[in-house]
Amino acid sequence: MTYLYLLLDIGSLSLPLIFSFHPKLKFYNYWKALFPAIVIMMAVFIPWDIIFTDNGFWGFNEAYFSGINIVNLPLEEWLFFICIPFACVFTHYSLIYFFPNTQLSTKKTRLITNILIILMLVLTFIFHDRWYPMVNFSYAILLLLIVKHYNVEVLQKYYLTFLIILIPFFIVNGILTGSLIENEVVWYNNDETMGVRIFTIPVEDSVYAFTMILTVLALTKYFKSKFSTAN
């Protein structure tokens, strides 16, 4: 199925884009802050993606792509970094709208953050010779330290909304990594991962998704506050 990845991108984006104009949600009000946040996230994740692809740490099955490549990455992979963060941030703010009082205390949030940082420090040390966990967890540690210090309020809600976001994540990423289809859309070099999978999904992908979305969320909140101040 040549356009499978493209269809997953479009399918992930379509409903959040349509419901962005819902008269109660009005998610379009976030776009001015959201899109610069996505661009900055891509400035980190796209070079990471290109380097890992060039070195064979992961790659793409040409049978599932349109054949259009930009800087050695399929067009669909570029769209992934736009469509998926958009959909996930929309989900985050929609959940906050419908469940405004759902958040962790600052104390619990800091405790969870510290536990995650320690866990990933340990894993980074154990798997220091494998590129995906080493780079992935190192970036997560740095990001968590920054957000905990400057904007812990984001984490108070995000730790809970991410549990819901994981549901569509496992569906989409499961298909990309070979669930329900004959071959995987995205393959991984097992010598550069921890070798642990949730169904067909490398466990590192969960942290990758967590940090990608958190990067966009934290920057969106930062830009929205700046734009509000400017007005």
Protein backbone atom coordinates (compact mmCIF):
# COMPACT_ATOMS: atom_id res chain seq x y z
CA MET A 1 0.00 0.00 0.00
CA THR A 2 2.08 2.84 -1.38
CA TYR A 3 0.38 5.69 0.46
CA LEU A 4 -0.12 4.02 3.85
CA TYR A 5 2.16 6.41 5.78
CA LEU A 6 0.63 9.43 4.05
CA LEU A 7 -2.87 8.21 4.91
CA LEU A 8 -1.83 7.78 8.56
CA ASP A 9 -0.52 11.36 8.60
CA ILE A 10 -3.67 12.77 7.02
CA GLY A 11 -5.94 10.62 9.16
CA SER A 12 -4.21 11.76 12.34
CA LEU A 13 -4.54 15.41 11.36
CA SER A 14 -8.04 15.50 9.84
CA LEU A 15 -10.35 15.38 12.88
CA PRO A 16 -8.21 17.63 15.11
CA LEU A 17 -8.00 20.14 12.26
CA ILE A 18 -11.77 20.11 11.71
CA PHE A 19 -12.59 20.34 15.42
CA SER A 20 -10.09 23.16 15.89
CA PHE A 21 -12.98 25.39 14.80
CA HIS A 22 -15.43 24.01 17.33
CA PRO A 23 -17.12 27.06 18.89
CA LYS A 24 -16.27 25.93 22.42
CA LEU A 25 -12.74 24.61 21.90
CA LYS A 26 -11.53 27.33 19.49
CA PHE A 27 -8.20 25.56 19.18
CA TYR A 28 -7.32 27.81 16.24
CA ASN A 29 -6.51 30.46 18.84
CA TYR A 30 -3.44 28.39 19.71
CA TRP A 31 -2.12 28.17 16.16
CA LYS A 32 -0.09 31.38 16.31
CA ALA A 33 1.91 29.89 19.18
CA LEU A 34 1.67 26.24 18.10
CA PHE A 35 3.23 26.43 14.65
CA PRO A 36 6.45 28.20 15.73
CA ALA A 37 6.70 25.59 18.48
CA ILE A 38 6.40 22.79 15.91
CA VAL A 39 9.06 24.41 13.72
CA ILE A 40 11.51 24.60 16.64
CA MET A 41 10.79 20.99 17.59
CA MET A 42 11.45 19.96 13.99
CA ALA A 43 14.78 21.82 14.09
CA VAL A 44 15.80 19.30 16.76
CA PHE A 45 14.05 16.13 15.61
CA ILE A 46 14.58 16.34 11.84
CA PRO A 47 18.43 16.46 12.00
CA TRP A 48 18.25 13.66 14.58
CA ASP A 49 16.08 11.68 12.14
CA ILE A 50 18.39 12.34 9.19
CA ILE A 51 21.53 11.31 11.11
CA PHE A 52 19.93 8.11 12.41
CA THR A 53 18.65 7.25 8.93
CA ASP A 54 22.02 7.92 7.28
CA ASN A 55 23.74 5.68 9.83
CA GLY A 56 21.24 2.84 9.51
CA PHE A 57 19.90 3.07 13.05
CA TRP A 58 16.41 3.08 11.54
CA GLY A 59 14.99 3.34 8.03
CA PHE A 60 11.90 3.26 5.84
CA ASN A 61 10.21 0.62 3.71
CA GLU A 62 9.82 2.13 0.24
CA ALA A 63 6.74 -0.02 -0.44
CA TYR A 64 4.69 2.26 1.83
CA PHE A 65 5.82 5.68 0.59
CA SER A 66 5.00 8.05 -2.24
CA GLY A 67 8.65 8.13 -3.33
CA ILE A 68 9.14 11.84 -2.63
CA ASN A 69 12.24 12.44 -0.50
CA ILE A 70 13.47 15.64 1.12
CA VAL A 71 17.03 15.61 2.50
CA ASN A 72 17.05 11.81 2.54
CA LEU A 73 13.75 11.56 4.45
CA PRO A 74 10.40 10.59 2.90
CA LEU A 75 7.87 13.40 2.58
CA GLU A 76 5.60 11.43 4.89
CA GLU A 77 8.22 11.51 7.63
CA TRP A 78 8.37 15.31 7.43
CA LEU A 79 4.57 15.44 7.63
CA PHE A 80 4.68 13.15 10.67
CA PHE A 81 6.40 15.91 12.66
CA ILE A 82 3.60 18.32 11.78
CA CYS A 83 0.49 16.14 11.85
CA ILE A 84 1.19 14.08 14.97
CA PRO A 85 2.22 16.98 17.27
CA PHE A 86 -0.75 19.02 16.05
CA ALA A 87 -3.13 16.15 16.82
CA CYS A 88 -1.54 15.42 20.20
CA VAL A 89 -1.50 19.04 21.38
CA PHE A 90 -5.12 19.37 20.24
CA THR A 91 -5.96 16.28 22.31
CA HIS A 92 -4.10 17.70 25.32
CA TYR A 93 -5.97 21.01 25.28
CA SER A 94 -9.30 19.33 24.53
CA LEU A 95 -8.91 17.10 27.58
CA ILE A 96 -8.01 20.14 29.68
CA TYR A 97 -11.11 21.94 28.39
CA PHE A 98 -13.47 19.09 29.25
CA PHE A 99 -11.68 18.13 32.49
CA PRO A 100 -10.23 21.44 33.74
CA ASN A 101 -9.54 20.25 37.29
CA THR A 102 -7.60 17.16 36.28
CA GLN A 103 -4.01 17.76 37.23
CA LEU A 104 -1.35 16.52 39.62
CA SER A 105 -0.12 18.52 42.56
CA THR A 106 3.22 20.28 42.19
CA LYS A 107 4.74 17.94 44.77
CA LYS A 108 3.62 14.78 42.94
CA THR A 109 4.68 16.23 39.60
CA ARG A 110 8.18 16.97 40.83
CA LEU A 111 8.41 13.50 42.39
CA ILE A 112 7.36 11.78 39.16
CA THR A 113 9.77 13.95 37.19
CA ASN A 114 12.67 13.10 39.48
CA ILE A 115 11.87 9.39 39.27
CA LEU A 116 11.76 9.56 35.46
CA ILE A 117 15.05 11.44 35.33
CA ILE A 118 16.77 8.91 37.61
CA LEU A 119 15.33 5.98 35.63
CA MET A 120 16.52 7.42 32.33
CA LEU A 121 19.93 8.25 33.78
CA VAL A 122 20.29 4.60 34.75
CA LEU A 123 19.12 3.40 31.34
CA THR A 124 21.41 5.86 29.57
CA PHE A 125 24.35 4.49 31.56
CA ILE A 126 23.39 0.86 30.87
CA PHE A 127 22.77 1.40 27.15
CA HIS A 128 25.42 4.08 26.53
CA ASP A 129 26.73 2.04 23.60
CA ARG A 130 23.37 2.01 21.78
CA TRP A 131 22.48 5.20 19.97
CA TYR A 132 18.68 5.28 20.20
CA PRO A 133 18.30 4.92 23.97
CA MET A 134 21.40 7.00 24.66
CA VAL A 135 20.32 10.02 22.58
CA ASN A 136 16.60 9.59 23.30
CA PHE A 137 16.92 9.39 27.08
CA SER A 138 19.59 12.09 27.25
CA TYR A 139 17.30 14.53 25.47
CA ALA A 140 14.39 13.52 27.73
CA ILE A 141 16.49 14.16 30.85
CA LEU A 142 17.53 17.60 29.61
CA LEU A 143 13.98 18.52 28.61
CA LEU A 144 12.46 17.38 31.89
CA LEU A 145 15.02 19.36 33.87
CA ILE A 146 14.26 22.51 31.88
CA VAL A 147 10.45 22.16 32.03
CA LYS A 148 10.48 21.24 35.72
CA HIS A 149 12.49 24.35 36.49
CA TYR A 150 10.73 26.87 34.24
CA ASN A 151 7.20 25.55 33.68
CA VAL A 152 6.25 22.68 35.96
CA GLU A 153 2.56 23.53 35.39
CA VAL A 154 2.80 21.96 31.93
CA LEU A 155 3.87 18.65 33.46
CA GLN A 156 1.09 18.73 36.05
CA LYS A 157 -1.48 18.23 33.29
CA TYR A 158 0.67 16.54 30.64
CA TYR A 159 1.52 13.48 32.73
CA LEU A 160 -2.22 12.72 32.80
CA THR A 161 -3.16 13.70 29.25
CA PHE A 162 -0.22 11.72 27.85
CA LEU A 163 -1.80 8.53 29.20
CA ILE A 164 -4.75 9.20 26.87
CA ILE A 165 -2.53 10.32 24.00
CA LEU A 166 -0.73 6.95 24.24
CA ILE A 167 -3.87 5.19 22.95
CA PRO A 168 -3.82 6.66 19.40
CA PHE A 169 -0.01 6.64 19.58
CA PHE A 170 0.05 2.86 20.00
CA ILE A 171 -2.40 2.47 17.13
CA VAL A 172 -0.50 4.67 14.66
CA ASN A 173 2.99 3.65 15.75
CA GLY A 174 1.93 0.03 15.93
CA ILE A 175 0.97 0.12 12.26
CA LEU A 176 4.19 1.94 11.37
CA THR A 177 6.27 -0.72 13.10
CA GLY A 178 4.47 -3.68 11.53
CA SER A 179 1.28 -4.39 13.46
CA LEU A 180 -1.67 -5.42 11.27
CA ILE A 181 0.36 -5.15 8.04
CA GLU A 182 2.72 -7.51 6.22
CA ASN A 183 5.93 -5.53 6.77
CA GLU A 184 6.92 -2.58 8.91
CA VAL A 185 6.77 0.94 7.47
CA VAL A 186 9.63 2.05 9.72
CA TRP A 187 12.30 -0.49 10.67
CA TYR A 188 14.84 -0.32 13.51
CA ASN A 189 18.34 -1.67 13.87
CA ASN A 190 18.00 -3.82 16.98
CA ASP A 191 21.71 -3.38 17.71
CA GLU A 192 20.98 0.31 18.42
CA THR A 193 17.90 -0.17 20.63
CA MET A 194 17.35 -1.78 24.03
CA GLY A 195 15.70 -4.71 22.26
CA VAL A 196 12.45 -4.37 24.22
CA ARG A 197 9.19 -3.91 22.33
CA ILE A 198 5.58 -3.25 23.26
CA PHE A 199 3.92 -5.43 20.63
CA THR A 200 5.93 -4.24 17.59
CA ILE A 201 6.89 -0.84 19.02
CA PRO A 202 10.39 -0.27 20.48
CA VAL A 203 9.90 0.95 24.04
CA GLU A 204 12.13 3.94 23.25
CA ASP A 205 9.42 5.24 20.91
CA SER A 206 7.20 6.02 23.90
CA VAL A 207 9.86 8.34 25.31
CA TYR A 208 10.48 9.77 21.84
CA ALA A 209 6.77 10.63 21.53
CA PHE A 210 6.67 11.97 25.09
CA THR A 211 9.54 14.39 24.49
CA MET A 212 8.41 15.42 21.00
CA ILE A 213 4.98 16.42 22.29
CA LEU A 214 6.33 17.97 25.50
CA THR A 215 8.76 20.11 23.48
CA VAL A 216 5.86 21.48 21.44
CA LEU A 217 3.60 21.94 24.47
CA ALA A 218 6.18 23.83 26.52
CA LEU A 219 7.07 26.09 23.59
CA THR A 220 3.41 26.66 22.72
CA LYS A 221 2.69 27.83 26.24
CA TYR A 222 5.80 30.05 26.16
CA PHE A 223 4.87 31.69 22.86
CA LYS A 224 1.21 32.09 23.84
CA SER A 225 2.22 33.96 27.00
CA LYS A 226 4.60 36.15 25.00
CA PHE A 227 2.00 36.97 22.38
CA SER A 228 -0.59 37.71 25.10
CA THR A 229 1.84 40.07 26.82
CA ALA A 230 2.61 41.80 23.53
CA ASN A 231 -1.10 42.43 22.95
